[in-house]
Amino acid sequence: MSSLRVLWAGWVTHFKIVSRSPFAIGVGATWPIVNATLAYFMYQAGGSPQTLLYASLGSAVAGIWSMAALDASGAIQRQRFWGTLELLVAAPVKFALVLLPMTIAIASVGIYCLATTLVWGRLVYGIPLPLEHPLAFVLAVPATLVSVGVLGFALCMLLVRFRAASHIGNSLEYPVWLASGLLFPIAVLPAWTHPISWSLATTWGMRALLHGSLGGPVWLDLGMCALLTVVYGAIGVAILDRFLDAARRSATLSLT
């Protein structure tokens, strides 16, 4: 229960901080609208309302991933830059419990991406939002945000030794969009990319939102989001423990 309290308090605190960032709000409010508008024009000529909804939800999930790729990948580097990394590592809780809510909060700001994209599509293009499985759709929103946030945590750990980790995370933004089928179906991609697609939380989050809206095996999608969240978390914690052990042995936490 103490770990859950730490996670909850950390998420609330960092969500408030990020929500007050002009950059985060600007990205969350405008970037998905631009992407969605481009997708609408691409599909509008022969697209049905269902196709336009696919483009709308895909643009929203793309915005969520963009937030995680831009900010979560450099979470440790920011703490090092601010001079708080040593204090957080020395705190009487596991460092993973401090870092996890930070990356999840960054991804959670993507809720603004989802809201603005759906409202923009409804008001400007008249795209309806049918809810065949309303409960599943509601559950798919936090499931997607959490799974993408934990993916950002694992990415942060993989890039922890790179000073320009945030820039490397930025370079992964568009490849993940493509591999996840956010703006076009995965079926059009080469077969060798499909295992990569199935390993990404953005793929299953997108499918969960789409199936919750239009109907489909949404519970399978939610289950995969939960499974990938556990896998990403385990990978991130394992790498983080090795990083901290190496830093303690060499007394170079702020330099590692």
Protein backbone atom coordinates (compact mmCIF):
# COMPACT_ATOMS: atom_id res chain seq x y z
CA MET A 1 0.00 0.00 0.00
CA SER A 2 2.89 2.38 0.71
CA SER A 3 4.22 1.76 -2.81
CA LEU A 4 0.80 2.54 -4.29
CA ARG A 5 0.64 5.75 -2.27
CA VAL A 6 4.06 6.77 -3.58
CA LEU A 7 2.99 6.04 -7.15
CA TRP A 8 -0.28 7.95 -6.75
CA ALA A 9 1.30 10.96 -5.04
CA GLY A 10 4.07 11.06 -7.63
CA TRP A 11 1.63 10.86 -10.52
CA VAL A 12 -0.61 13.61 -9.14
CA THR A 13 2.35 15.90 -8.46
CA HIS A 14 4.01 15.45 -11.84
CA PHE A 15 0.72 15.57 -13.75
CA LYS A 16 0.04 18.98 -12.20
CA ILE A 17 3.55 20.13 -13.06
CA VAL A 18 3.40 18.96 -16.67
CA SER A 19 -0.15 20.29 -17.09
CA ARG A 20 1.18 23.75 -16.28
CA SER A 21 3.89 23.55 -18.90
CA PRO A 22 3.14 25.84 -21.89
CA PHE A 23 5.10 23.49 -24.13
CA ALA A 24 3.16 20.39 -23.04
CA ILE A 25 -0.20 22.11 -23.34
CA GLY A 26 0.76 23.62 -26.69
CA VAL A 27 1.82 20.23 -28.05
CA GLY A 28 -1.23 18.48 -26.58
CA ALA A 29 -3.66 21.04 -27.98
CA THR A 30 -2.24 21.78 -31.44
CA TRP A 31 -0.03 18.94 -32.65
CA PRO A 32 -2.80 16.29 -32.75
CA ILE A 33 -5.10 18.72 -34.56
CA VAL A 34 -2.51 19.24 -37.29
CA ASN A 35 -1.90 15.50 -37.66
CA ALA A 36 -5.62 14.74 -37.58
CA THR A 37 -6.38 17.39 -40.20
CA LEU A 38 -3.77 15.95 -42.54
CA ALA A 39 -5.20 12.47 -42.00
CA TYR A 40 -8.76 13.70 -42.60
CA PHE A 41 -7.77 15.20 -45.94
CA MET A 42 -5.97 11.98 -46.88
CA TYR A 43 -9.01 9.80 -46.18
CA GLN A 44 -11.89 12.20 -46.83
CA ALA A 45 -12.22 11.55 -50.59
CA GLY A 46 -13.20 7.92 -50.24
CA GLY A 47 -13.33 7.50 -46.50
CA SER A 48 -16.39 6.47 -44.52
CA PRO A 49 -17.07 7.95 -41.06
CA GLN A 50 -15.44 4.84 -39.59
CA THR A 51 -12.26 5.51 -41.58
CA LEU A 52 -12.18 9.13 -40.44
CA LEU A 53 -12.68 7.99 -36.84
CA TYR A 54 -9.70 5.66 -37.30
CA ALA A 55 -7.63 8.65 -38.40
CA SER A 56 -8.90 10.67 -35.44
CA LEU A 57 -8.06 8.05 -32.81
CA GLY A 58 -4.75 7.29 -34.50
CA SER A 59 -3.77 10.95 -34.36
CA ALA A 60 -4.69 11.06 -30.67
CA VAL A 61 -2.57 8.01 -29.79
CA ALA A 62 0.25 9.46 -31.90
CA GLY A 63 0.07 12.58 -29.73
CA ILE A 64 0.24 10.47 -26.57
CA TRP A 65 3.33 8.68 -27.85
CA SER A 66 4.90 11.98 -28.90
CA MET A 67 4.63 13.27 -25.34
CA ALA A 68 6.28 10.10 -24.01
CA ALA A 69 9.01 10.06 -26.67
CA LEU A 70 9.87 13.74 -26.21
CA ASP A 71 9.86 14.00 -22.42
CA ALA A 72 9.86 10.56 -20.75
CA SER A 73 12.99 9.36 -22.58
CA GLY A 74 15.04 12.12 -20.94
CA ALA A 75 13.54 11.96 -17.42
CA ILE A 76 16.80 10.96 -15.68
CA GLN A 77 18.80 13.48 -17.69
CA ARG A 78 16.49 16.26 -16.51
CA GLN A 79 16.96 15.23 -12.87
CA ARG A 80 20.72 15.23 -13.42
CA PHE A 81 20.54 18.69 -15.00
CA TRP A 82 18.41 20.05 -12.13
CA GLY A 83 20.78 18.56 -9.54
CA THR A 84 18.07 16.43 -7.92
CA LEU A 85 19.14 12.99 -9.19
CA GLU A 86 21.28 12.15 -6.15
CA LEU A 87 18.53 13.27 -3.75
CA LEU A 88 15.91 11.13 -5.47
CA VAL A 89 18.16 8.07 -5.51
CA ALA A 90 18.93 8.57 -1.79
CA ALA A 91 15.23 8.90 -0.88
CA PRO A 92 13.86 6.11 1.38
CA VAL A 93 11.83 4.58 -1.49
CA LYS A 94 12.91 2.68 -4.55
CA PHE A 95 14.01 5.00 -7.33
CA ALA A 96 11.74 3.15 -9.75
CA LEU A 97 8.72 4.24 -7.68
CA VAL A 98 9.90 7.83 -8.07
CA LEU A 99 10.59 7.62 -11.80
CA LEU A 100 7.58 5.55 -12.90
CA PRO A 101 4.87 8.08 -11.96
CA MET A 102 6.97 10.76 -13.63
CA THR A 103 6.90 9.05 -17.03
CA ILE A 104 3.26 7.96 -16.64
CA ALA A 105 2.28 11.55 -15.82
CA ILE A 106 4.05 12.76 -18.96
CA ALA A 107 2.08 10.26 -21.07
CA SER A 108 -1.12 11.11 -19.18
CA VAL A 109 -0.98 14.65 -20.53
CA GLY A 110 -1.86 12.91 -23.79
CA ILE A 111 -5.46 12.98 -22.54
CA TYR A 112 -5.49 16.51 -23.91
CA CYS A 113 -4.46 15.09 -27.30
CA LEU A 114 -7.38 12.65 -27.24
CA ALA A 115 -9.90 15.27 -26.16
CA THR A 116 -8.85 17.97 -28.64
CA THR A 117 -8.65 15.52 -31.55
CA LEU A 118 -12.11 14.07 -30.96
CA VAL A 119 -13.68 17.49 -30.40
CA TRP A 120 -11.95 18.91 -33.49
CA GLY A 121 -13.14 16.02 -35.64
CA ARG A 122 -16.69 16.33 -34.36
CA LEU A 123 -17.03 20.10 -34.69
CA VAL A 124 -15.14 20.62 -37.95
CA TYR A 125 -15.67 17.37 -39.85
CA GLY A 126 -18.80 16.02 -38.19
CA ILE A 127 -17.16 12.69 -37.28
CA PRO A 128 -19.38 10.79 -34.81
CA LEU A 129 -17.99 8.80 -31.89
CA PRO A 130 -20.07 5.62 -31.63
CA LEU A 131 -19.53 3.64 -28.45
CA GLU A 132 -20.34 -0.03 -29.02
CA HIS A 133 -18.56 -0.90 -25.77
CA PRO A 134 -18.70 2.28 -23.66
CA LEU A 135 -17.19 0.73 -20.51
CA ALA A 136 -14.34 -0.82 -22.48
CA PHE A 137 -13.70 2.50 -24.27
CA VAL A 138 -13.50 4.33 -20.93
CA LEU A 139 -11.10 1.68 -19.58
CA ALA A 140 -9.04 1.83 -22.77
CA VAL A 141 -8.11 5.47 -22.16
CA PRO A 142 -6.18 4.98 -18.87
CA ALA A 143 -4.87 1.61 -20.07
CA THR A 144 -3.34 3.28 -23.11
CA LEU A 145 -1.91 6.18 -21.11
CA VAL A 146 -0.35 3.92 -18.47
CA SER A 147 1.09 1.41 -20.94
CA VAL A 148 2.62 4.15 -23.08
CA GLY A 149 3.95 5.84 -19.93
CA VAL A 150 5.63 2.63 -18.76
CA LEU A 151 7.03 2.18 -22.27
CA GLY A 152 8.54 5.64 -21.83
CA PHE A 153 10.01 4.47 -18.52
CA ALA A 154 11.65 1.45 -20.19
CA LEU A 155 12.91 3.69 -23.01
CA CYS A 156 14.34 6.08 -20.42
CA MET A 157 16.30 3.21 -18.88
CA LEU A 158 17.58 1.97 -22.23
CA LEU A 159 18.86 5.46 -23.08
CA VAL A 160 20.13 6.31 -19.59
CA ARG A 161 23.80 6.41 -20.62
CA PHE A 162 23.18 8.87 -23.45
CA ARG A 163 23.33 12.57 -22.60
CA ALA A 164 21.09 13.33 -25.59
CA ALA A 165 18.50 10.72 -24.64
CA SER A 166 15.57 13.06 -25.28
CA HIS A 167 16.78 13.65 -28.83
CA ILE A 168 17.15 9.92 -29.41
CA GLY A 169 13.63 9.43 -28.08
CA ASN A 170 12.44 12.10 -30.47
CA SER A 171 13.95 10.19 -33.38
CA LEU A 172 11.81 7.17 -32.43
CA GLU A 173 8.59 9.16 -32.68
CA TYR A 174 7.74 8.56 -36.34
CA PRO A 175 9.01 4.95 -36.56
CA VAL A 176 6.63 3.99 -33.73
CA TRP A 177 3.78 5.82 -35.48
CA LEU A 178 4.44 3.73 -38.59
CA ALA A 179 4.96 0.41 -36.82
CA SER A 180 1.84 0.86 -34.65
CA GLY A 181 -0.48 1.47 -37.58
CA LEU A 182 -1.76 4.72 -36.12
CA LEU A 183 -2.59 6.31 -39.48
CA PHE A 184 -2.92 3.23 -41.68
CA PRO A 185 -3.48 -0.49 -41.02
CA ILE A 186 -0.57 -2.67 -39.98
CA ALA A 187 -1.56 -5.11 -42.73
CA VAL A 188 -0.01 -2.84 -45.38
CA LEU A 189 3.40 -3.06 -43.69
CA PRO A 190 5.96 -5.77 -44.52
CA ALA A 191 5.46 -9.02 -42.64
CA TRP A 192 8.80 -8.73 -40.82
CA THR A 193 7.58 -5.58 -39.05
CA HIS A 194 4.51 -7.24 -37.50
CA PRO A 195 6.33 -8.66 -34.42
CA ILE A 196 7.62 -5.15 -33.74
CA SER A 197 4.07 -3.82 -34.03
CA TRP A 198 2.66 -6.39 -31.60
CA SER A 199 5.35 -5.50 -29.03
CA LEU A 200 4.32 -1.83 -28.88
CA ALA A 201 1.76 -0.53 -26.40
CA THR A 202 0.64 2.08 -28.92
CA THR A 203 -0.59 -0.70 -31.23
CA TRP A 204 -2.84 -2.27 -28.62
CA GLY A 205 -3.94 1.04 -27.15
CA MET A 206 -5.06 2.17 -30.58
CA ARG A 207 -6.89 -1.12 -31.16
CA ALA A 208 -8.57 -0.92 -27.74
CA LEU A 209 -9.90 2.57 -28.40
CA LEU A 210 -11.03 1.66 -31.92
CA HIS A 211 -12.72 -1.59 -30.91
CA GLY A 212 -14.32 0.07 -27.90
CA SER A 213 -15.83 2.60 -30.26
CA LEU A 214 -16.74 0.51 -33.32
CA GLY A 215 -16.92 -2.95 -31.75
CA GLY A 216 -14.41 -5.78 -31.71
CA PRO A 217 -12.24 -7.90 -29.38
CA VAL A 218 -11.53 -4.99 -27.07
CA TRP A 219 -10.86 -7.11 -23.97
CA LEU A 220 -7.99 -8.87 -25.74
CA ASP A 221 -6.52 -5.46 -26.56
CA LEU A 222 -6.85 -4.31 -22.95
CA GLY A 223 -5.24 -7.53 -21.75
CA MET A 224 -2.29 -6.97 -24.08
CA CYS A 225 -1.93 -3.40 -22.79
CA ALA A 226 -1.78 -4.77 -19.23
CA LEU A 227 0.70 -7.49 -20.18
CA LEU A 228 3.01 -5.09 -21.99
CA THR A 229 2.83 -2.69 -19.05
CA VAL A 230 4.18 -5.45 -16.79
CA VAL A 231 6.87 -6.43 -19.31
CA TYR A 232 8.03 -2.86 -19.87
CA GLY A 233 8.07 -2.23 -16.12
CA ALA A 234 10.15 -5.36 -15.45
CA ILE A 235 12.66 -4.45 -18.17
CA GLY A 236 12.93 -0.87 -16.93
CA VAL A 237 13.41 -1.86 -13.27
CA ALA A 238 16.05 -4.46 -14.17
CA ILE A 239 18.05 -1.95 -16.21
CA LEU A 240 17.60 0.74 -13.54
CA ASP A 241 18.96 -1.55 -10.80
CA ARG A 242 22.06 -2.31 -12.88
CA PHE A 243 22.53 1.38 -13.63
CA LEU A 244 22.34 2.32 -9.95
CA ASP A 245 24.66 -0.52 -8.88
CA ALA A 246 27.28 0.54 -11.43
CA ALA A 247 26.95 4.20 -10.40
CA ARG A 248 27.37 3.35 -6.69
CA ARG A 249 30.44 1.18 -7.33
CA SER A 250 32.19 3.93 -9.28
CA ALA A 251 30.68 6.90 -7.35
CA THR A 252 29.70 8.54 -10.62
CA LEU A 253 25.91 8.81 -10.39
CA SER A 254 25.80 12.30 -11.83
CA LEU A 255 28.22 11.33 -14.61
CA THR A 256 26.99 7.84 -15.55
